[in-house]
Amino acid sequence: MWICERVTGADLDVDEVTALYEASTLGERRPIADRERFARMLRGANLVVTARLDGKLIGIARSLTDGAYATYLSDIAVDVAHQKQGVGRDLIRATRQAAPQAKLILLSAPAAVDYYPRVGFAQHPSAWTLDAASELG
């Protein structure tokens, strides 16, 4: 059985997390090739939960939270070989337990839009994003 635990993102091995993002397909949508930027992503998250099986990193939930009102679950990655076994659900559960009063918010990867309603998320019709390269009108 895997073990989920809260960790400090800065303490994680960047190469190990990069390999997980590649094995989960999340690496296709994250700047893993830019090692410094990816390392800043890990360091900057103030709520990180990992899942390990026999010491091997098989999942991660990387979030930003105020601990009281909102937790933005920025990344949830589970190695494809371990998907559909409850790892993602356990990562979400541990994230929620770390900030139990906060609403959990995420933007779904296109391939995962059907997953989140099955684990209890409700779709929100008025979410908005502004990409870093976009101009503010």
N, C-alpha and C. Protein backbone atom coordinates (compact mmCIF):
# COMPACT_ATOMS: atom_id res chain seq x y z
N MET A 1 0.84 -1.19 0.00
CA MET A 1 0.00 0.00 0.00
C MET A 1 0.88 1.24 0.00
N TRP A 2 0.46 2.26 -0.70
CA TRP A 2 1.21 3.50 -0.76
C TRP A 2 0.99 4.30 0.51
N ILE A 3 1.92 5.22 0.76
CA ILE A 3 1.86 6.10 1.92
C ILE A 3 1.77 7.53 1.42
N CYS A 4 0.75 8.26 1.86
CA CYS A 4 0.62 9.68 1.54
C CYS A 4 1.11 10.49 2.74
N GLU A 5 1.93 11.49 2.45
CA GLU A 5 2.40 12.35 3.53
C GLU A 5 2.63 13.76 3.03
N ARG A 6 2.43 14.71 3.94
CA ARG A 6 2.71 16.10 3.62
C ARG A 6 4.21 16.32 3.71
N VAL A 7 4.75 17.01 2.71
CA VAL A 7 6.19 17.26 2.66
C VAL A 7 6.42 18.73 2.31
N THR A 8 7.67 19.15 2.40
CA THR A 8 8.07 20.48 1.96
C THR A 8 8.57 20.37 0.52
N GLY A 9 7.95 21.12 -0.37
CA GLY A 9 8.29 21.04 -1.78
C GLY A 9 9.77 21.27 -2.06
N ALA A 10 10.39 22.17 -1.31
CA ALA A 10 11.81 22.47 -1.52
C ALA A 10 12.70 21.29 -1.18
N ASP A 11 12.20 20.36 -0.38
CA ASP A 11 12.98 19.19 0.00
C ASP A 11 12.92 18.05 -1.02
N LEU A 12 12.04 18.17 -1.99
CA LEU A 12 11.88 17.11 -2.98
C LEU A 12 13.01 17.15 -4.00
N ASP A 13 13.36 15.99 -4.52
CA ASP A 13 14.36 15.88 -5.57
C ASP A 13 13.68 16.26 -6.90
N VAL A 14 14.17 17.30 -7.53
CA VAL A 14 13.56 17.82 -8.76
C VAL A 14 13.54 16.75 -9.85
N ASP A 15 14.59 15.97 -9.97
CA ASP A 15 14.64 14.93 -11.00
C ASP A 15 13.59 13.85 -10.74
N GLU A 16 13.40 13.50 -9.48
CA GLU A 16 12.40 12.49 -9.14
C GLU A 16 10.99 12.98 -9.46
N VAL A 17 10.71 14.24 -9.13
CA VAL A 17 9.39 14.79 -9.41
C VAL A 17 9.19 14.97 -10.91
N THR A 18 10.23 15.38 -11.62
CA THR A 18 10.15 15.51 -13.08
C THR A 18 9.80 14.15 -13.71
N ALA A 19 10.45 13.10 -13.25
CA ALA A 19 10.17 11.75 -13.77
C ALA A 19 8.72 11.36 -13.50
N LEU A 20 8.20 11.73 -12.33
CA LEU A 20 6.80 11.43 -12.04
C LEU A 20 5.87 12.21 -12.97
N TYR A 21 6.15 13.48 -13.20
CA TYR A 21 5.30 14.27 -14.09
C TYR A 21 5.31 13.66 -15.50
N GLU A 22 6.46 13.18 -15.93
CA GLU A 22 6.54 12.51 -17.24
C GLU A 22 5.73 11.22 -17.23
N ALA A 23 5.84 10.44 -16.16
CA ALA A 23 5.15 9.16 -16.06
C ALA A 23 3.65 9.32 -15.89
N SER A 24 3.21 10.50 -15.50
CA SER A 24 1.78 10.75 -15.30
C SER A 24 1.14 11.44 -16.49
N THR A 25 1.90 11.92 -17.40
CA THR A 25 1.54 12.74 -18.57
C THR A 25 1.33 14.21 -18.22
N LEU A 26 1.37 14.59 -16.94
CA LEU A 26 1.23 16.00 -16.58
C LEU A 26 2.41 16.81 -17.11
N GLY A 27 3.53 16.17 -17.30
CA GLY A 27 4.70 16.84 -17.84
C GLY A 27 4.47 17.49 -19.19
N GLU A 28 3.48 17.00 -19.92
CA GLU A 28 3.14 17.58 -21.23
C GLU A 28 2.57 18.99 -21.08
N ARG A 29 2.05 19.32 -19.89
CA ARG A 29 1.40 20.60 -19.66
C ARG A 29 2.10 21.45 -18.60
N ARG A 30 3.29 21.05 -18.20
CA ARG A 30 4.05 21.80 -17.20
C ARG A 30 5.46 22.05 -17.73
N PRO A 31 6.12 23.12 -17.27
CA PRO A 31 7.45 23.47 -17.80
C PRO A 31 8.57 22.63 -17.19
N ILE A 32 8.48 21.33 -17.33
CA ILE A 32 9.48 20.46 -16.71
C ILE A 32 10.84 20.56 -17.38
N ALA A 33 10.90 21.00 -18.62
CA ALA A 33 12.18 21.14 -19.30
C ALA A 33 12.98 22.34 -18.76
N ASP A 34 12.29 23.29 -18.17
CA ASP A 34 12.93 24.45 -17.55
C ASP A 34 13.14 24.11 -16.07
N ARG A 35 14.26 23.46 -15.79
CA ARG A 35 14.52 22.92 -14.45
C ARG A 35 14.39 23.97 -13.34
N GLU A 36 14.93 25.16 -13.55
CA GLU A 36 14.87 26.20 -12.51
C GLU A 36 13.43 26.64 -12.25
N ARG A 37 12.66 26.82 -13.31
CA ARG A 37 11.26 27.21 -13.14
C ARG A 37 10.48 26.11 -12.44
N PHE A 38 10.73 24.87 -12.84
CA PHE A 38 10.04 23.75 -12.21
C PHE A 38 10.42 23.65 -10.73
N ALA A 39 11.69 23.85 -10.41
CA ALA A 39 12.13 23.83 -9.01
C ALA A 39 11.45 24.95 -8.22
N ARG A 40 11.27 26.12 -8.83
CA ARG A 40 10.56 27.23 -8.16
C ARG A 40 9.11 26.85 -7.90
N MET A 41 8.50 26.12 -8.83
CA MET A 41 7.12 25.65 -8.63
C MET A 41 7.04 24.78 -7.38
N LEU A 42 7.99 23.88 -7.23
CA LEU A 42 7.99 22.99 -6.07
C LEU A 42 8.24 23.77 -4.78
N ARG A 43 9.20 24.67 -4.80
CA ARG A 43 9.53 25.46 -3.61
C ARG A 43 8.39 26.39 -3.22
N GLY A 44 7.68 26.91 -4.20
CA GLY A 44 6.65 27.91 -3.94
C GLY A 44 5.34 27.35 -3.42
N ALA A 45 5.11 26.08 -3.60
CA ALA A 45 3.87 25.47 -3.11
C ALA A 45 3.95 25.32 -1.60
N ASN A 46 2.95 25.78 -0.89
CA ASN A 46 2.99 25.69 0.57
C ASN A 46 2.21 24.51 1.12
N LEU A 47 1.67 23.68 0.23
CA LEU A 47 1.01 22.44 0.65
C LEU A 47 1.31 21.38 -0.41
N VAL A 48 2.19 20.47 -0.08
CA VAL A 48 2.58 19.41 -1.01
C VAL A 48 2.38 18.08 -0.31
N VAL A 49 1.67 17.19 -0.98
CA VAL A 49 1.44 15.84 -0.47
C VAL A 49 1.98 14.86 -1.50
N THR A 50 2.74 13.89 -1.04
CA THR A 50 3.27 12.88 -1.95
C THR A 50 2.69 11.52 -1.60
N ALA A 51 2.70 10.64 -2.59
CA ALA A 51 2.34 9.23 -2.39
C ALA A 51 3.55 8.41 -2.81
N ARG A 52 3.97 7.52 -1.94
CA ARG A 52 5.12 6.65 -2.22
C ARG A 52 4.72 5.20 -1.99
N LEU A 53 5.26 4.36 -2.84
CA LEU A 53 5.07 2.91 -2.73
C LEU A 53 6.45 2.29 -2.68
N ASP A 54 6.77 1.65 -1.57
CA ASP A 54 8.10 1.08 -1.38
C ASP A 54 9.20 2.11 -1.64
N GLY A 55 8.97 3.34 -1.21
CA GLY A 55 9.94 4.42 -1.35
C GLY A 55 9.90 5.15 -2.67
N LYS A 56 9.22 4.59 -3.67
CA LYS A 56 9.16 5.22 -5.01
C LYS A 56 8.02 6.24 -5.06
N LEU A 57 8.31 7.44 -5.57
CA LEU A 57 7.30 8.48 -5.73
C LEU A 57 6.34 8.07 -6.84
N ILE A 58 5.07 7.87 -6.49
CA ILE A 58 4.07 7.48 -7.48
C ILE A 58 2.98 8.53 -7.65
N GLY A 59 2.96 9.55 -6.78
CA GLY A 59 1.95 10.58 -6.90
C GLY A 59 2.32 11.82 -6.11
N ILE A 60 1.76 12.96 -6.56
CA ILE A 60 1.99 14.22 -5.87
C ILE A 60 0.77 15.12 -6.06
N ALA A 61 0.45 15.87 -5.02
CA ALA A 61 -0.54 16.94 -5.09
C ALA A 61 0.18 18.21 -4.63
N ARG A 62 0.24 19.21 -5.51
CA ARG A 62 0.96 20.45 -5.23
C ARG A 62 -0.05 21.58 -5.18
N SER A 63 -0.13 22.26 -4.01
CA SER A 63 -1.16 23.27 -3.80
C SER A 63 -0.63 24.55 -3.19
N LEU A 64 -1.44 25.59 -3.30
CA LEU A 64 -1.25 26.86 -2.61
C LEU A 64 -2.49 27.08 -1.76
N THR A 65 -2.28 27.40 -0.48
CA THR A 65 -3.44 27.57 0.39
C THR A 65 -3.21 28.67 1.41
N ASP A 66 -4.31 29.30 1.83
CA ASP A 66 -4.26 30.19 2.99
C ASP A 66 -4.67 29.43 4.24
N GLY A 67 -5.10 28.19 4.06
CA GLY A 67 -5.46 27.32 5.17
C GLY A 67 -6.81 27.60 5.79
N ALA A 68 -7.48 28.65 5.35
CA ALA A 68 -8.73 29.04 5.97
C ALA A 68 -9.90 29.13 4.99
N TYR A 69 -9.64 29.60 3.78
CA TYR A 69 -10.72 29.82 2.84
C TYR A 69 -10.53 29.08 1.52
N ALA A 70 -9.32 29.12 0.96
CA ALA A 70 -9.11 28.56 -0.37
C ALA A 70 -7.81 27.76 -0.44
N THR A 71 -7.90 26.62 -1.09
CA THR A 71 -6.72 25.82 -1.45
C THR A 71 -6.80 25.60 -2.95
N TYR A 72 -5.80 26.08 -3.68
CA TYR A 72 -5.73 25.86 -5.11
C TYR A 72 -4.85 24.65 -5.36
N LEU A 73 -5.46 23.58 -5.80
CA LEU A 73 -4.75 22.34 -6.13
C LEU A 73 -4.20 22.50 -7.55
N SER A 74 -2.97 22.98 -7.61
CA SER A 74 -2.36 23.33 -8.88
C SER A 74 -2.01 22.11 -9.72
N ASP A 75 -1.45 21.09 -9.07
CA ASP A 75 -1.04 19.88 -9.78
C ASP A 75 -1.44 18.65 -8.99
N ILE A 76 -1.98 17.70 -9.68
CA ILE A 76 -2.12 16.36 -9.11
C ILE A 76 -1.64 15.40 -10.19
N ALA A 77 -0.61 14.65 -9.84
CA ALA A 77 0.02 13.75 -10.81
C ALA A 77 0.16 12.37 -10.18
N VAL A 78 -0.29 11.37 -10.91
CA VAL A 78 -0.15 9.97 -10.48
C VAL A 78 0.45 9.20 -11.65
N ASP A 79 1.50 8.46 -11.36
CA ASP A 79 2.14 7.61 -12.36
C ASP A 79 1.06 6.77 -13.05
N VAL A 80 1.06 6.74 -14.38
CA VAL A 80 0.06 6.00 -15.15
C VAL A 80 -0.06 4.55 -14.66
N ALA A 81 1.06 3.95 -14.28
CA ALA A 81 1.05 2.56 -13.80
C ALA A 81 0.27 2.39 -12.50
N HIS A 82 -0.03 3.49 -11.80
CA HIS A 82 -0.73 3.42 -10.52
C HIS A 82 -2.06 4.16 -10.54
N GLN A 83 -2.50 4.60 -11.70
CA GLN A 83 -3.79 5.28 -11.80
C GLN A 83 -4.93 4.28 -11.68
N LYS A 84 -6.09 4.80 -11.31
CA LYS A 84 -7.32 4.01 -11.15
C LYS A 84 -7.22 3.01 -10.01
N GLN A 85 -6.40 3.35 -9.00
CA GLN A 85 -6.26 2.50 -7.83
C GLN A 85 -6.57 3.25 -6.54
N GLY A 86 -6.91 4.55 -6.65
CA GLY A 86 -7.24 5.34 -5.47
C GLY A 86 -6.13 6.27 -5.00
N VAL A 87 -5.00 6.29 -5.69
CA VAL A 87 -3.90 7.16 -5.28
C VAL A 87 -4.32 8.63 -5.36
N GLY A 88 -4.91 9.03 -6.48
CA GLY A 88 -5.35 10.42 -6.65
C GLY A 88 -6.36 10.81 -5.59
N ARG A 89 -7.30 9.94 -5.32
CA ARG A 89 -8.31 10.20 -4.29
C ARG A 89 -7.64 10.40 -2.93
N ASP A 90 -6.65 9.57 -2.61
CA ASP A 90 -5.94 9.70 -1.33
C ASP A 90 -5.14 10.99 -1.26
N LEU A 91 -4.53 11.40 -2.37
CA LEU A 91 -3.80 12.67 -2.41
C LEU A 91 -4.76 13.84 -2.18
N ILE A 92 -5.91 13.80 -2.81
CA ILE A 92 -6.92 14.86 -2.62
C ILE A 92 -7.41 14.85 -1.18
N ARG A 93 -7.68 13.70 -0.63
CA ARG A 93 -8.14 13.59 0.76
C ARG A 93 -7.10 14.18 1.72
N ALA A 94 -5.82 13.84 1.54
CA ALA A 94 -4.76 14.36 2.41
C ALA A 94 -4.60 15.87 2.25
N THR A 95 -4.76 16.37 1.03
CA THR A 95 -4.70 17.82 0.79
C THR A 95 -5.83 18.51 1.54
N ARG A 96 -6.99 17.95 1.44
CA ARG A 96 -8.16 18.54 2.11
C ARG A 96 -8.01 18.49 3.63
N GLN A 97 -7.48 17.41 4.15
CA GLN A 97 -7.28 17.28 5.60
C GLN A 97 -6.27 18.30 6.12
N ALA A 98 -5.32 18.70 5.29
CA ALA A 98 -4.31 19.67 5.71
C ALA A 98 -4.89 21.07 5.89
N ALA A 99 -5.98 21.36 5.20
CA ALA A 99 -6.65 22.67 5.30
C ALA A 99 -8.16 22.42 5.25
N PRO A 100 -8.72 21.83 6.32
CA PRO A 100 -10.10 21.35 6.28
C PRO A 100 -11.18 22.42 6.12
N GLN A 101 -10.88 23.67 6.47
CA GLN A 101 -11.89 24.72 6.32
C GLN A 101 -11.87 25.35 4.93
N ALA A 102 -10.85 25.09 4.17
CA ALA A 102 -10.67 25.74 2.87
C ALA A 102 -11.39 24.98 1.76
N LYS A 103 -11.94 25.74 0.83
CA LYS A 103 -12.53 25.18 -0.38
C LYS A 103 -11.40 24.73 -1.29
N LEU A 104 -11.53 23.56 -1.88
CA LEU A 104 -10.53 23.03 -2.79
C LEU A 104 -10.91 23.43 -4.21
N ILE A 105 -9.97 24.08 -4.90
CA ILE A 105 -10.19 24.63 -6.24
C ILE A 105 -9.13 24.06 -7.18
N LEU A 106 -9.54 23.70 -8.40
CA LEU A 106 -8.56 23.23 -9.38
C LEU A 106 -9.03 23.50 -10.79
N LEU A 107 -8.08 23.49 -11.70
CA LEU A 107 -8.36 23.52 -13.13
C LEU A 107 -7.99 22.15 -13.65
N SER A 108 -8.92 21.47 -14.28
CA SER A 108 -8.69 20.10 -14.72
C SER A 108 -7.92 20.02 -16.02
N ALA A 109 -7.06 19.02 -16.10
CA ALA A 109 -6.46 18.67 -17.38
C ALA A 109 -7.59 18.17 -18.28
N PRO A 110 -7.52 18.42 -19.57
CA PRO A 110 -8.61 17.99 -20.47
C PRO A 110 -8.96 16.50 -20.32
N ALA A 111 -7.97 15.66 -20.15
CA ALA A 111 -8.23 14.22 -20.06
C ALA A 111 -8.85 13.81 -18.73
N ALA A 112 -8.87 14.72 -17.75
CA ALA A 112 -9.36 14.35 -16.41
C ALA A 112 -10.70 14.98 -16.05
N VAL A 113 -11.35 15.65 -16.99
CA VAL A 113 -12.59 16.35 -16.65
C VAL A 113 -13.69 15.42 -16.14
N ASP A 114 -13.67 14.17 -16.53
CA ASP A 114 -14.69 13.25 -16.06
C ASP A 114 -14.34 12.63 -14.70
N TYR A 115 -13.07 12.75 -14.29
CA TYR A 115 -12.63 12.17 -13.02
C TYR A 115 -13.15 12.96 -11.82
N TYR A 116 -13.03 14.27 -11.86
CA TYR A 116 -13.30 15.08 -10.68
C TYR A 116 -14.75 15.01 -10.18
N PRO A 117 -15.75 14.98 -11.05
CA PRO A 117 -17.11 14.80 -10.52
C PRO A 117 -17.28 13.46 -9.79
N ARG A 118 -16.56 12.45 -10.23
CA ARG A 118 -16.68 11.12 -9.58
C ARG A 118 -16.13 11.11 -8.17
N VAL A 119 -15.22 12.04 -7.85
CA VAL A 119 -14.66 12.08 -6.50
C VAL A 119 -15.25 13.22 -5.67
N GLY A 120 -16.30 13.86 -6.18
CA GLY A 120 -17.03 14.83 -5.37
C GLY A 120 -16.91 16.29 -5.75
N PHE A 121 -16.12 16.63 -6.75
CA PHE A 121 -15.99 18.03 -7.15
C PHE A 121 -17.22 18.45 -7.96
N ALA A 122 -17.58 19.73 -7.83
CA ALA A 122 -18.63 20.32 -8.64
C ALA A 122 -17.99 21.28 -9.63
N GLN A 123 -18.48 21.27 -10.86
CA GLN A 123 -17.94 22.18 -11.87
C GLN A 123 -18.43 23.59 -11.57
N HIS A 124 -17.53 24.55 -11.72
CA HIS A 124 -17.86 25.96 -11.45
C HIS A 124 -17.95 26.70 -12.78
N PRO A 125 -19.07 27.35 -13.06
CA PRO A 125 -19.26 27.96 -14.38
C PRO A 125 -18.56 29.31 -14.59
N SER A 126 -17.99 29.89 -13.55
CA SER A 126 -17.44 31.23 -13.74
C SER A 126 -15.97 31.34 -13.36
N ALA A 127 -15.20 30.33 -13.68
CA ALA A 127 -13.75 30.40 -13.44
C ALA A 127 -13.09 31.09 -14.63
N TRP A 128 -12.03 31.83 -14.36
CA TRP A 128 -11.35 32.59 -15.40
C TRP A 128 -9.85 32.45 -15.21
N THR A 129 -9.11 32.52 -16.31
CA THR A 129 -7.65 32.48 -16.23
C THR A 129 -7.08 33.61 -17.09
N LEU A 130 -5.89 34.05 -16.72
CA LEU A 130 -5.16 35.04 -17.50
C LEU A 130 -3.74 34.49 -17.59
N ASP A 131 -3.36 34.04 -18.78
CA ASP A 131 -2.02 33.47 -18.98
C ASP A 131 -0.95 34.54 -18.79
N ALA A 132 0.25 34.09 -18.40
CA ALA A 132 1.36 35.00 -18.15
C ALA A 132 1.68 35.86 -19.37
N ALA A 133 1.51 35.32 -20.57
CA ALA A 133 1.85 36.04 -21.80
C ALA A 133 0.72 36.95 -22.28
N SER A 134 -0.46 36.86 -21.66
CA SER A 134 -1.60 37.65 -22.10
C SER A 134 -1.53 39.07 -21.55
N GLU A 135 -2.02 40.01 -22.34
CA GLU A 135 -2.08 41.40 -21.91
C GLU A 135 -3.35 41.63 -21.13
N LEU A 136 -3.25 42.45 -20.11
CA LEU A 136 -4.42 42.85 -19.33
C LEU A 136 -5.10 43.97 -20.07
N GLY A 137 -6.39 43.81 -20.34
CA GLY A 137 -7.13 44.79 -21.14
C GLY A 137 -7.41 46.08 -20.46
